[in-house]
N, C-alpha and C. Protein backbone atom coordinates (compact mmCIF):
# COMPACT_ATOMS: atom_id res chain seq x y z
N MET A 1 0.75 -1.10 0.02
CA MET A 1 0.08 0.11 0.02
C MET A 1 0.86 1.24 -0.09
N GLY A 2 2.00 1.40 0.65
CA GLY A 2 2.84 2.36 0.68
C GLY A 2 3.29 2.74 -0.82
N ARG A 3 3.60 1.72 -1.48
CA ARG A 3 4.11 1.98 -2.82
C ARG A 3 2.97 2.55 -3.76
N VAL A 4 1.69 2.09 -3.42
CA VAL A 4 0.59 2.47 -4.22
C VAL A 4 0.25 4.01 -3.94
N VAL A 5 0.29 4.22 -2.69
CA VAL A 5 0.06 5.71 -2.18
C VAL A 5 1.08 6.63 -2.83
N SER A 6 2.35 6.09 -2.68
CA SER A 6 3.49 6.98 -3.24
C SER A 6 3.38 7.25 -4.57
N GLY A 7 3.00 6.16 -5.46
CA GLY A 7 2.74 6.38 -6.80
C GLY A 7 1.66 7.40 -7.15
N LEU A 8 0.58 7.33 -6.55
CA LEU A 8 -0.55 8.33 -6.78
C LEU A 8 -0.16 9.64 -6.51
N LEU A 9 0.61 9.79 -5.41
CA LEU A 9 1.01 11.13 -4.88
C LEU A 9 2.04 11.74 -5.96
N GLN A 10 2.90 10.99 -6.47
CA GLN A 10 3.82 11.51 -7.47
C GLN A 10 3.22 11.68 -8.76
N SER A 11 2.11 11.14 -9.09
CA SER A 11 1.46 11.43 -10.48
C SER A 11 0.32 12.28 -10.38
N ASN A 12 0.12 12.90 -9.29
CA ASN A 12 -1.10 13.87 -9.06
C ASN A 12 -0.55 15.21 -8.60
N PRO A 13 -0.52 16.09 -9.55
CA PRO A 13 -0.05 17.54 -9.09
C PRO A 13 -0.79 18.19 -7.91
N SER A 14 -1.91 17.73 -7.54
CA SER A 14 -2.67 18.17 -6.46
C SER A 14 -1.86 17.87 -5.11
N TYR A 15 -1.13 16.94 -5.09
CA TYR A 15 -0.49 16.50 -3.96
C TYR A 15 1.10 16.64 -4.02
N SER A 16 1.75 16.55 -2.92
CA SER A 16 3.20 16.59 -2.89
C SER A 16 3.71 15.55 -1.73
N LEU A 17 4.47 14.54 -2.14
CA LEU A 17 5.09 13.63 -1.23
C LEU A 17 6.22 14.27 -0.30
N ALA A 18 6.00 14.40 0.78
CA ALA A 18 6.96 14.95 1.69
C ALA A 18 8.06 13.99 1.82
N CYS A 19 7.81 12.72 2.23
CA CYS A 19 8.76 11.67 2.47
C CYS A 19 8.11 10.43 2.75
N GLY A 20 8.79 9.33 2.73
CA GLY A 20 8.26 8.00 3.10
C GLY A 20 9.07 7.43 4.19
N VAL A 21 8.45 6.73 5.09
CA VAL A 21 9.01 6.12 6.31
C VAL A 21 8.77 4.54 6.19
N ASP A 22 9.69 3.70 6.14
CA ASP A 22 9.45 2.24 6.03
C ASP A 22 10.67 1.45 6.60
N ILE A 23 10.52 0.79 7.67
CA ILE A 23 11.60 0.20 8.41
C ILE A 23 12.21 -0.87 7.55
N CYS A 24 11.57 -1.26 6.58
CA CYS A 24 12.08 -2.26 5.57
C CYS A 24 12.47 -1.80 4.18
N GLY A 25 12.46 -0.39 4.01
CA GLY A 25 12.65 0.18 2.66
C GLY A 25 14.13 0.73 2.94
N ASP A 26 14.91 0.52 1.80
CA ASP A 26 16.23 0.99 1.70
C ASP A 26 16.29 2.52 1.44
N LYS A 27 15.46 3.01 0.62
CA LYS A 27 15.58 4.38 0.39
C LYS A 27 14.62 5.37 1.21
N ALA A 28 13.76 4.68 2.17
CA ALA A 28 12.90 5.50 2.95
C ALA A 28 13.70 5.98 4.34
N LEU A 29 13.06 7.15 4.79
CA LEU A 29 13.80 7.72 6.00
C LEU A 29 13.32 6.93 7.29
N SER A 30 13.98 7.25 8.31
CA SER A 30 13.45 6.87 9.63
C SER A 30 12.44 7.94 10.16
N LEU A 31 11.81 7.65 11.15
CA LEU A 31 10.96 8.76 11.79
C LEU A 31 11.93 9.86 12.35
N GLU A 32 12.91 9.43 12.93
CA GLU A 32 13.83 10.50 13.41
C GLU A 32 14.23 11.52 12.25
N GLN A 33 14.71 10.89 11.04
CA GLN A 33 15.19 11.74 9.92
C GLN A 33 13.87 12.48 9.31
N ALA A 34 12.75 11.94 9.42
CA ALA A 34 11.53 12.59 8.90
C ALA A 34 11.02 13.85 9.79
N MET A 35 11.65 13.90 10.99
CA MET A 35 11.23 14.98 11.94
C MET A 35 11.49 16.43 11.30
N ALA A 36 12.57 16.35 10.53
CA ALA A 36 12.97 17.75 9.91
C ALA A 36 12.17 18.05 8.53
N VAL A 37 11.40 17.17 8.13
CA VAL A 37 10.78 17.36 6.89
C VAL A 37 9.54 18.09 7.00
N ASP A 38 9.25 18.96 6.12
CA ASP A 38 7.94 19.85 6.35
C ASP A 38 6.88 18.99 5.63
N ALA A 39 5.79 18.87 6.37
CA ALA A 39 4.56 18.05 6.01
C ALA A 39 3.23 18.67 6.55
N ASP A 40 2.19 18.26 6.00
CA ASP A 40 0.78 18.60 6.41
C ASP A 40 0.02 17.72 7.15
N VAL A 41 0.19 16.39 6.74
CA VAL A 41 -0.68 15.17 7.32
C VAL A 41 0.17 14.03 7.11
N ILE A 42 -0.14 13.06 8.10
CA ILE A 42 0.49 11.51 7.86
C ILE A 42 -0.41 10.68 7.52
N LEU A 43 -0.16 9.72 6.57
CA LEU A 43 -1.02 8.77 6.17
C LEU A 43 -0.17 7.37 6.70
N ASP A 44 -0.86 6.58 7.55
CA ASP A 44 -0.25 5.40 8.09
C ASP A 44 -0.91 4.17 7.37
N PHE A 45 -0.07 3.46 6.51
CA PHE A 45 -0.60 2.25 6.04
C PHE A 45 0.40 1.03 6.33
N SER A 46 1.07 1.07 7.52
CA SER A 46 2.14 0.29 8.01
C SER A 46 1.69 -0.96 8.60
N HIS A 47 1.65 -0.98 10.06
CA HIS A 47 1.16 -2.22 10.76
C HIS A 47 0.77 -1.64 12.07
N HIS A 48 -0.29 -2.21 12.68
CA HIS A 48 -0.79 -1.70 13.83
C HIS A 48 0.21 -1.57 14.98
N SER A 49 1.10 -2.41 14.95
CA SER A 49 2.22 -2.35 16.16
C SER A 49 3.07 -1.11 15.94
N ALA A 50 3.02 -0.34 14.73
CA ALA A 50 3.82 0.84 14.72
C ALA A 50 3.07 2.11 15.42
N VAL A 51 1.80 1.90 15.86
CA VAL A 51 1.07 2.97 16.28
C VAL A 51 1.91 3.88 17.32
N PRO A 52 2.57 3.13 18.45
CA PRO A 52 3.19 4.00 19.37
C PRO A 52 4.18 5.07 18.94
N ASP A 53 4.92 4.55 17.93
CA ASP A 53 6.07 5.32 17.28
C ASP A 53 5.44 6.47 16.60
N ILE A 54 4.47 6.06 15.61
CA ILE A 54 3.83 7.04 14.70
C ILE A 54 2.89 8.08 15.50
N LEU A 55 2.28 7.60 16.46
CA LEU A 55 1.61 8.76 17.42
C LEU A 55 2.62 9.68 18.01
N ASP A 56 3.72 9.15 18.59
CA ASP A 56 4.61 10.06 19.19
C ASP A 56 5.13 11.13 18.20
N PHE A 57 5.55 10.54 16.93
CA PHE A 57 5.98 11.55 15.90
C PHE A 57 4.83 12.48 15.71
N ALA A 58 3.64 12.09 15.38
CA ALA A 58 2.49 12.84 15.03
C ALA A 58 2.18 14.05 16.08
N LEU A 59 2.33 13.66 17.47
CA LEU A 59 2.19 14.63 18.46
C LEU A 59 3.18 15.57 18.59
N LYS A 60 4.46 15.12 18.35
CA LYS A 60 5.59 15.95 18.44
C LYS A 60 5.50 17.05 17.29
N ARG A 61 5.22 16.65 16.21
CA ARG A 61 5.07 17.58 15.07
C ARG A 61 3.65 18.34 14.97
N LYS A 62 2.64 17.86 15.84
CA LYS A 62 1.33 18.44 15.79
C LYS A 62 0.67 18.21 14.44
N LEU A 63 0.78 17.09 13.84
CA LEU A 63 0.15 16.81 12.59
C LEU A 63 -0.97 15.83 12.56
N PRO A 64 -2.07 16.24 11.82
CA PRO A 64 -3.24 15.25 11.54
C PRO A 64 -2.64 13.81 11.14
N LEU A 65 -3.24 12.89 11.71
CA LEU A 65 -2.88 11.46 11.53
C LEU A 65 -4.01 10.63 10.94
N LEU A 66 -3.86 10.10 9.79
CA LEU A 66 -4.83 9.13 9.23
C LEU A 66 -4.30 7.70 9.30
N ILE A 67 -4.99 6.87 10.00
CA ILE A 67 -4.43 5.52 10.38
C ILE A 67 -5.33 4.51 9.59
N ALA A 68 -4.71 3.94 8.59
CA ALA A 68 -5.53 2.89 7.77
C ALA A 68 -5.04 1.46 7.95
N THR A 69 -4.59 1.13 9.18
CA THR A 69 -4.17 -0.21 9.52
C THR A 69 -5.32 -0.80 10.49
N THR A 70 -5.30 -2.15 10.63
CA THR A 70 -6.39 -2.89 11.36
C THR A 70 -5.65 -3.79 12.39
N GLY A 71 -6.35 -4.44 13.17
CA GLY A 71 -5.91 -5.40 14.06
C GLY A 71 -5.23 -4.76 15.37
N HIS A 72 -5.64 -3.62 15.80
CA HIS A 72 -5.00 -2.95 16.93
C HIS A 72 -5.33 -3.60 18.19
N THR A 73 -4.52 -3.68 19.11
CA THR A 73 -4.83 -4.07 20.45
C THR A 73 -5.50 -3.23 21.27
N GLU A 74 -5.98 -3.53 22.41
CA GLU A 74 -6.76 -2.64 23.37
C GLU A 74 -5.75 -1.58 23.86
N GLU A 75 -4.43 -1.92 24.04
CA GLU A 75 -3.48 -0.91 24.49
C GLU A 75 -3.31 0.14 23.29
N GLU A 76 -3.22 -0.27 22.11
CA GLU A 76 -2.92 0.56 20.97
C GLU A 76 -4.24 1.48 20.72
N TYR A 77 -5.37 1.00 20.89
CA TYR A 77 -6.59 1.81 20.83
C TYR A 77 -6.61 2.89 21.84
N ALA A 78 -6.18 2.48 23.17
CA ALA A 78 -6.08 3.50 24.26
C ALA A 78 -5.10 4.69 23.78
N LEU A 79 -4.01 4.32 23.27
CA LEU A 79 -2.99 5.36 22.84
C LEU A 79 -3.64 6.24 21.84
N ILE A 80 -4.27 5.67 20.78
CA ILE A 80 -4.93 6.51 19.81
C ILE A 80 -5.92 7.58 20.36
N GLU A 81 -6.79 6.97 21.31
CA GLU A 81 -7.80 7.69 21.90
C GLU A 81 -7.16 8.86 22.72
N LYS A 82 -5.99 8.54 23.42
CA LYS A 82 -5.31 9.54 24.22
C LYS A 82 -4.57 10.59 23.25
N GLY A 83 -4.07 10.15 22.07
CA GLY A 83 -3.53 11.05 21.20
C GLY A 83 -4.60 11.99 20.57
N ALA A 84 -5.70 11.42 20.27
CA ALA A 84 -6.76 12.19 19.71
C ALA A 84 -7.16 13.50 20.66
N ALA A 85 -6.72 13.65 21.78
CA ALA A 85 -7.08 14.59 22.63
C ALA A 85 -6.17 15.77 22.15
N HIS A 86 -5.22 15.71 21.27
CA HIS A 86 -4.18 16.65 20.91
C HIS A 86 -4.08 16.93 19.50
N ILE A 87 -4.48 15.91 18.73
CA ILE A 87 -4.43 16.20 17.20
C ILE A 87 -5.72 15.45 16.49
N PRO A 88 -6.09 16.01 15.25
CA PRO A 88 -7.09 15.25 14.62
C PRO A 88 -6.58 13.89 14.18
N ILE A 89 -7.36 12.76 14.49
CA ILE A 89 -6.91 11.41 14.05
C ILE A 89 -8.22 10.71 13.35
N TRP A 90 -7.90 10.28 12.29
CA TRP A 90 -8.99 9.53 11.52
C TRP A 90 -8.66 7.98 11.47
N LEU A 91 -9.24 7.15 12.18
CA LEU A 91 -8.94 5.75 12.18
C LEU A 91 -10.04 5.03 11.47
N CYS A 92 -9.73 4.34 10.25
CA CYS A 92 -10.83 3.67 9.54
C CYS A 92 -10.06 2.34 9.02
N ALA A 93 -10.90 1.43 8.92
CA ALA A 93 -10.38 0.12 8.38
C ALA A 93 -10.40 -0.01 6.85
N ASN A 94 -11.25 0.91 6.24
CA ASN A 94 -11.23 0.82 4.83
C ASN A 94 -11.65 2.22 4.16
N PHE A 95 -10.71 2.78 3.54
CA PHE A 95 -10.91 4.15 2.89
C PHE A 95 -11.36 4.12 1.45
N SER A 96 -11.69 2.95 0.91
CA SER A 96 -12.18 2.87 -0.46
C SER A 96 -13.41 3.81 -0.61
N PRO A 97 -13.59 4.51 -1.67
CA PRO A 97 -14.56 5.46 -1.90
C PRO A 97 -16.01 4.95 -1.73
N ALA A 98 -16.29 3.73 -1.98
CA ALA A 98 -17.58 3.23 -1.95
C ALA A 98 -18.02 2.71 -0.55
N MET A 99 -17.03 2.72 0.43
CA MET A 99 -17.38 2.26 1.86
C MET A 99 -18.43 3.21 2.53
N GLY A 100 -18.32 4.47 2.18
CA GLY A 100 -19.31 5.41 2.76
C GLY A 100 -20.78 4.81 2.51
N TRP A 101 -21.08 4.67 1.11
CA TRP A 101 -22.12 4.26 0.45
C TRP A 101 -22.56 2.97 1.04
N LEU A 102 -21.73 2.02 1.22
CA LEU A 102 -21.93 0.63 1.66
C LEU A 102 -22.40 0.61 3.13
N SER A 103 -21.74 1.47 3.99
CA SER A 103 -22.03 1.64 5.29
C SER A 103 -23.45 2.08 5.56
N GLN A 104 -23.81 3.16 4.84
CA GLN A 104 -25.09 3.76 4.89
C GLN A 104 -26.22 2.81 4.35
N THR A 105 -25.95 1.95 3.44
CA THR A 105 -26.75 1.10 2.94
C THR A 105 -27.20 -0.10 4.00
N VAL A 106 -25.98 -0.62 4.47
CA VAL A 106 -26.18 -1.71 5.37
C VAL A 106 -26.94 -1.19 6.76
N LYS A 107 -26.61 0.05 7.06
CA LYS A 107 -27.38 0.79 8.18
C LYS A 107 -28.95 0.87 7.99
N ASP A 108 -29.17 1.22 6.75
CA ASP A 108 -30.50 1.47 6.33
C ASP A 108 -31.29 0.08 6.25
N ALA A 109 -30.65 -1.01 5.80
CA ALA A 109 -31.14 -2.29 5.63
C ALA A 109 -31.47 -2.93 6.91
N ALA A 110 -30.49 -2.70 7.93
CA ALA A 110 -30.64 -3.23 9.31
C ALA A 110 -31.93 -2.71 9.92
N ALA A 111 -32.17 -1.27 9.55
CA ALA A 111 -33.33 -0.66 10.31
C ALA A 111 -34.59 -1.01 9.66
N GLN A 112 -34.49 -1.19 8.28
CA GLN A 112 -35.68 -1.61 7.35
C GLN A 112 -36.27 -3.14 7.76
N PHE A 113 -35.27 -3.97 8.06
CA PHE A 113 -35.70 -5.36 8.23
C PHE A 113 -35.13 -5.76 9.50
N PRO A 114 -35.82 -5.38 10.54
CA PRO A 114 -35.30 -5.67 12.02
C PRO A 114 -35.39 -7.09 12.42
N LEU A 115 -36.20 -7.90 11.76
CA LEU A 115 -36.23 -9.23 12.02
C LEU A 115 -35.56 -10.24 11.09
N ALA A 116 -34.77 -9.75 10.30
CA ALA A 116 -34.00 -10.57 9.22
C ALA A 116 -32.77 -11.16 10.06
N ASP A 117 -32.37 -12.31 9.45
CA ASP A 117 -31.13 -12.88 9.88
C ASP A 117 -30.07 -12.15 9.13
N VAL A 118 -28.96 -11.90 9.74
CA VAL A 118 -27.88 -11.20 8.99
C VAL A 118 -26.55 -11.96 9.25
N GLU A 119 -25.75 -12.10 8.14
CA GLU A 119 -24.42 -12.58 8.25
C GLU A 119 -23.48 -11.93 7.38
N ILE A 120 -22.15 -11.99 7.65
CA ILE A 120 -21.17 -11.26 6.85
C ILE A 120 -20.22 -12.17 6.38
N LEU A 121 -19.95 -12.20 4.97
CA LEU A 121 -18.86 -12.98 4.50
C LEU A 121 -17.74 -12.00 3.93
N GLU A 122 -16.59 -12.23 4.37
CA GLU A 122 -15.45 -11.37 3.86
C GLU A 122 -14.22 -12.30 3.37
N ALA A 123 -13.58 -11.57 2.42
CA ALA A 123 -12.51 -12.41 1.81
C ALA A 123 -11.29 -11.49 1.49
N HIS A 124 -10.18 -11.87 1.84
CA HIS A 124 -8.94 -11.09 1.63
C HIS A 124 -7.79 -12.01 1.26
N ARG A 125 -6.80 -11.48 0.86
CA ARG A 125 -5.55 -12.26 0.33
C ARG A 125 -5.11 -13.30 1.36
N LYS A 126 -4.61 -14.37 0.89
CA LYS A 126 -4.01 -15.41 1.70
C LYS A 126 -2.89 -14.74 2.54
N GLY A 127 -2.93 -14.94 3.81
CA GLY A 127 -1.74 -14.49 4.61
C GLY A 127 -2.19 -13.13 5.38
N LYS A 128 -3.35 -12.51 5.12
CA LYS A 128 -3.74 -11.38 5.93
C LYS A 128 -3.78 -11.78 7.34
N ALA A 129 -3.26 -11.04 8.30
CA ALA A 129 -2.91 -11.49 9.79
C ALA A 129 -4.32 -11.59 10.51
N ASP A 130 -5.11 -10.56 10.39
CA ASP A 130 -6.36 -10.62 11.14
C ASP A 130 -7.55 -11.27 10.38
N ALA A 131 -8.25 -11.94 11.18
CA ALA A 131 -9.54 -12.60 10.64
C ALA A 131 -10.43 -12.75 11.88
N PRO A 132 -11.54 -11.92 11.77
CA PRO A 132 -12.04 -11.23 10.68
C PRO A 132 -11.25 -9.80 10.53
N GLY A 133 -11.32 -9.23 9.33
CA GLY A 133 -10.62 -8.06 9.22
C GLY A 133 -11.53 -6.86 9.85
N GLY A 134 -10.76 -5.77 9.85
CA GLY A 134 -11.32 -4.52 10.32
C GLY A 134 -12.60 -4.06 9.70
N THR A 135 -12.76 -4.17 8.33
CA THR A 135 -13.93 -3.68 7.66
C THR A 135 -15.22 -4.51 8.17
N ALA A 136 -15.03 -5.69 8.19
CA ALA A 136 -16.13 -6.84 8.58
C ALA A 136 -16.51 -6.43 10.01
N LYS A 137 -15.56 -6.08 10.89
CA LYS A 137 -15.87 -5.76 12.35
C LYS A 137 -16.69 -4.40 12.44
N VAL A 138 -16.42 -3.43 11.62
CA VAL A 138 -17.00 -2.17 11.55
C VAL A 138 -18.39 -2.28 10.85
N LEU A 139 -18.73 -3.06 9.91
CA LEU A 139 -20.00 -3.50 9.22
C LEU A 139 -20.77 -4.21 10.35
N SER A 140 -20.19 -5.07 11.14
CA SER A 140 -20.97 -5.83 12.15
C SER A 140 -21.44 -4.80 13.33
N HIS A 141 -20.58 -3.88 13.62
CA HIS A 141 -20.89 -2.79 14.66
C HIS A 141 -22.06 -1.84 14.09
N ILE A 142 -22.00 -1.57 12.96
CA ILE A 142 -23.14 -0.77 12.21
C ILE A 142 -24.47 -1.36 12.30
N ILE A 143 -24.42 -2.83 12.16
CA ILE A 143 -25.74 -3.63 12.13
C ILE A 143 -26.14 -3.71 13.70
N SER A 144 -25.30 -3.94 14.49
CA SER A 144 -25.65 -4.16 16.03
C SER A 144 -26.03 -2.82 16.47
N SER A 145 -25.51 -1.67 16.17
CA SER A 145 -25.87 -0.46 16.45
C SER A 145 -27.53 -0.02 16.07
N ALA A 146 -28.00 -0.82 15.20
CA ALA A 146 -29.30 -0.66 14.60
C ALA A 146 -30.31 -1.34 15.41
N GLY A 147 -29.78 -1.98 16.66
CA GLY A 147 -30.62 -2.93 17.50
C GLY A 147 -30.64 -4.34 17.19
N LYS A 148 -29.87 -4.85 16.25
CA LYS A 148 -29.88 -6.21 16.02
C LYS A 148 -28.71 -6.78 16.67
N LYS A 149 -28.85 -8.15 16.84
CA LYS A 149 -27.56 -8.92 17.39
C LYS A 149 -26.33 -8.91 16.53
N SER A 150 -25.23 -8.89 16.91
CA SER A 150 -23.92 -8.83 15.99
C SER A 150 -24.08 -10.20 15.17
N PRO A 151 -23.96 -9.87 13.75
CA PRO A 151 -23.95 -10.99 12.85
C PRO A 151 -22.76 -11.95 13.00
N ALA A 152 -22.84 -13.13 12.46
CA ALA A 152 -21.81 -13.98 12.48
C ALA A 152 -20.91 -13.48 11.21
N ILE A 153 -19.53 -13.53 11.33
CA ILE A 153 -18.69 -13.13 10.32
C ILE A 153 -17.97 -14.31 9.79
N HIS A 154 -17.83 -14.67 8.46
CA HIS A 154 -17.22 -15.83 7.91
C HIS A 154 -16.00 -15.28 7.05
N SER A 155 -14.80 -15.77 7.28
CA SER A 155 -13.79 -15.12 6.82
C SER A 155 -13.10 -16.10 5.89
N MET A 156 -12.70 -15.65 4.67
CA MET A 156 -11.82 -16.55 3.75
C MET A 156 -10.60 -15.79 3.43
N ARG A 157 -9.51 -16.47 3.14
CA ARG A 157 -8.23 -15.87 2.80
C ARG A 157 -7.88 -16.70 1.52
N LEU A 158 -8.03 -16.03 0.55
CA LEU A 158 -7.94 -16.70 -0.89
C LEU A 158 -6.84 -15.94 -1.85
N GLY A 159 -5.68 -16.57 -2.14
CA GLY A 159 -4.92 -16.02 -3.24
C GLY A 159 -4.47 -14.56 -3.03
N HIS A 160 -4.86 -13.74 -4.04
CA HIS A 160 -4.51 -12.43 -3.96
C HIS A 160 -5.64 -11.58 -3.88
N THR A 161 -6.80 -11.95 -3.39
CA THR A 161 -8.08 -11.20 -3.24
C THR A 161 -7.74 -10.01 -2.38
N VAL A 162 -8.16 -8.82 -3.02
CA VAL A 162 -7.78 -7.58 -2.42
C VAL A 162 -8.69 -7.32 -1.31
N GLY A 163 -10.08 -7.46 -1.57
CA GLY A 163 -11.15 -7.33 -0.48
C GLY A 163 -12.53 -7.45 -1.00
N THR A 164 -13.20 -8.24 -0.42
CA THR A 164 -14.63 -8.51 -0.83
C THR A 164 -15.42 -8.75 0.44
N HIS A 165 -16.55 -8.01 0.47
CA HIS A 165 -17.46 -8.10 1.63
C HIS A 165 -18.81 -8.12 1.23
N SER A 166 -19.61 -9.27 1.66
CA SER A 166 -20.87 -9.37 1.32
C SER A 166 -21.88 -9.41 2.62
N ILE A 167 -22.81 -8.67 2.82
CA ILE A 167 -23.69 -8.53 3.83
C ILE A 167 -25.03 -9.25 3.48
N ILE A 168 -25.55 -10.20 4.00
CA ILE A 168 -26.79 -11.04 3.70
C ILE A 168 -27.72 -10.83 4.75
N PHE A 169 -28.92 -10.17 4.20
CA PHE A 169 -30.10 -9.99 5.04
C PHE A 169 -31.12 -11.10 4.54
N ASP A 170 -31.68 -11.94 5.38
CA ASP A 170 -32.75 -12.99 4.99
C ASP A 170 -33.76 -12.91 5.90
N THR A 171 -35.07 -12.43 5.46
CA THR A 171 -36.31 -12.47 6.37
C THR A 171 -37.03 -13.76 6.31
N GLY A 172 -36.71 -14.72 5.56
CA GLY A 172 -37.48 -15.95 5.50
C GLY A 172 -38.33 -15.99 4.21
N GLU A 173 -38.70 -14.70 3.87
CA GLU A 173 -39.49 -14.76 2.59
C GLU A 173 -38.71 -14.28 1.37
N GLU A 174 -37.68 -13.46 1.69
CA GLU A 174 -36.77 -12.85 0.72
C GLU A 174 -35.34 -12.53 1.25
N GLN A 175 -34.63 -12.41 0.30
CA GLN A 175 -32.93 -12.23 0.75
C GLN A 175 -32.44 -11.01 0.00
N ILE A 176 -31.78 -10.24 0.60
CA ILE A 176 -31.05 -9.19 0.15
C ILE A 176 -29.49 -9.39 0.41
N ILE A 177 -28.70 -9.26 -0.62
CA ILE A 177 -27.28 -9.35 -0.46
C ILE A 177 -26.57 -8.08 -1.20
N VAL A 178 -25.78 -7.49 -0.14
CA VAL A 178 -25.00 -6.36 -0.51
C VAL A 178 -23.67 -6.58 -0.61
N THR A 179 -22.96 -6.41 -1.72
CA THR A 179 -21.66 -7.03 -1.98
C THR A 179 -20.72 -5.70 -2.34
N HIS A 180 -19.58 -5.71 -1.86
CA HIS A 180 -18.69 -4.71 -2.22
C HIS A 180 -17.19 -5.42 -2.55
N ILE A 181 -16.86 -5.16 -3.72
CA ILE A 181 -15.58 -5.87 -4.27
C ILE A 181 -14.41 -4.87 -4.63
N VAL A 182 -13.34 -4.79 -3.98
CA VAL A 182 -12.20 -4.00 -4.36
C VAL A 182 -11.31 -4.80 -5.39
N HIS A 183 -11.01 -4.48 -6.59
CA HIS A 183 -10.23 -5.03 -7.55
C HIS A 183 -8.71 -4.50 -7.49
N ARG A 184 -8.60 -3.45 -7.06
CA ARG A 184 -7.19 -2.90 -7.12
C ARG A 184 -6.86 -2.01 -5.80
N ARG A 185 -5.80 -2.02 -5.31
CA ARG A 185 -5.46 -1.22 -4.04
C ARG A 185 -5.53 0.15 -4.17
N GLU A 186 -5.49 0.56 -5.50
CA GLU A 186 -5.69 1.95 -5.74
C GLU A 186 -6.89 2.64 -5.10
N ALA A 187 -7.95 1.81 -5.09
CA ALA A 187 -9.12 2.25 -4.44
C ALA A 187 -8.95 2.82 -2.89
N PHE A 188 -8.13 2.01 -2.17
CA PHE A 188 -7.83 2.31 -0.84
C PHE A 188 -7.11 3.55 -0.77
N ALA A 189 -6.06 3.59 -1.71
CA ALA A 189 -5.09 4.80 -1.83
C ALA A 189 -5.78 6.06 -2.21
N LYS A 190 -6.77 6.10 -3.24
CA LYS A 190 -7.52 7.28 -3.56
C LYS A 190 -8.28 7.80 -2.44
N GLY A 191 -8.97 6.88 -1.91
CA GLY A 191 -9.90 7.28 -0.76
C GLY A 191 -9.21 8.02 0.41
N ALA A 192 -8.11 7.31 0.67
CA ALA A 192 -7.16 7.87 1.85
C ALA A 192 -6.69 9.26 1.50
N LEU A 193 -6.31 9.45 0.18
CA LEU A 193 -5.82 10.82 -0.07
C LEU A 193 -6.95 11.77 0.05
N GLU A 194 -8.06 11.61 -0.36
CA GLU A 194 -9.26 12.53 -0.26
C GLU A 194 -9.54 12.59 1.18
N ALA A 195 -9.55 11.51 2.11
CA ALA A 195 -9.68 11.68 3.42
C ALA A 195 -8.72 12.55 4.04
N ALA A 196 -7.55 12.53 3.65
CA ALA A 196 -6.33 13.41 4.18
C ALA A 196 -6.65 14.76 4.01
N LYS A 197 -7.30 15.15 2.93
CA LYS A 197 -7.60 16.45 2.54
C LYS A 197 -8.76 16.94 3.39
N ILE A 198 -9.76 16.09 3.67
CA ILE A 198 -10.72 16.30 4.70
C ILE A 198 -10.20 16.50 6.16
N LEU A 199 -9.41 15.78 6.45
CA LEU A 199 -8.76 15.76 7.84
C LEU A 199 -8.15 16.93 8.14
N LEU A 200 -7.59 17.59 7.09
CA LEU A 200 -6.76 18.91 7.27
C LEU A 200 -7.67 19.94 7.90
N SER A 201 -9.01 19.82 7.62
CA SER A 201 -9.89 20.85 8.12
C SER A 201 -10.66 20.59 9.23
N LYS A 202 -10.38 19.40 9.75
CA LYS A 202 -11.09 18.99 10.99
C LYS A 202 -10.42 19.38 12.28
N PRO A 203 -11.36 19.73 13.30
CA PRO A 203 -10.69 19.97 14.70
C PRO A 203 -10.22 18.79 15.26
N ILE A 204 -9.46 18.98 16.42
CA ILE A 204 -8.91 17.95 17.19
C ILE A 204 -9.95 16.94 17.60
N GLY A 205 -9.70 15.62 17.60
CA GLY A 205 -10.70 14.60 18.00
C GLY A 205 -10.42 13.19 17.23
N LEU A 206 -10.93 12.15 17.60
CA LEU A 206 -10.84 10.92 16.91
C LEU A 206 -12.10 10.52 16.16
N TYR A 207 -11.86 10.49 14.74
CA TYR A 207 -12.88 10.16 13.81
C TYR A 207 -12.77 8.66 13.42
N THR A 208 -14.14 8.03 13.39
CA THR A 208 -13.89 6.60 13.20
C THR A 208 -14.86 6.29 12.16
N ASP A 209 -15.80 7.06 11.62
CA ASP A 209 -16.82 6.72 10.73
C ASP A 209 -16.33 6.76 9.36
N PHE A 210 -17.00 5.94 8.52
CA PHE A 210 -16.48 5.90 6.95
C PHE A 210 -16.88 7.24 6.53
N LEU A 211 -17.98 7.87 6.88
CA LEU A 211 -18.27 9.17 6.30
C LEU A 211 -17.96 10.47 7.12
N LEU A 212 -16.97 10.06 8.01
CA LEU A 212 -16.52 11.15 8.99
C LEU A 212 -17.69 12.00 9.57
N LYS A 213 -18.71 11.23 9.95
CA LYS A 213 -19.88 11.92 10.73
C LYS A 213 -19.75 11.61 12.14
N GLU A 214 -18.91 10.80 12.62
CA GLU A 214 -18.86 10.43 13.98
C GLU A 214 -17.55 10.97 14.54
N ARG A 215 -17.67 11.54 15.75
CA ARG A 215 -16.40 12.03 16.33
C ARG A 215 -16.55 11.64 17.83
N ILE A 216 -15.53 10.82 18.29
CA ILE A 216 -15.55 10.44 19.78
C ILE A 216 -15.06 11.40 20.61
């Protein structure tokens, strides 16, 4: 994802890539070296375990932070919430442009069919560490917030699957299936860049909603 985001930044005159930080990259800077680089916002597509160091960097620089990683521990969530008292932070499992529409559609369906059985089927690439993934968990939360019990999540890890989520509503008389399929990782990157621009204008706080309507 870092390479995808970097490629989009360098090919779009509306953006400017200040620097890249990657502990595995030969040409990337360290966080200590990046401290001297002028920047407006941080995009984190690394790993949830990097949260303490990235938060420390963002807080020292007073920079808005967009976190696009999943699988955070309770301790890491606590650090994020604490950090959001000082800078704007947008934590989201899936920044693809269609996720806002999907989340609203799922919310509406859960309210419209309160007695329906609901289950979630998600698929990602083989080797993805967390199962179920962050997007499925958020969709489950949206459904349970509508007054329904949390739906079962069925996870598949298949080949090079980028990301597929199907939400199934079954009333016994009819069935609705809402499916979102990401074909290329550029969808996540494009959505994250648009989100970063929005985050620049937001006040201090923790944002967690796909549509940036919720602030904790």
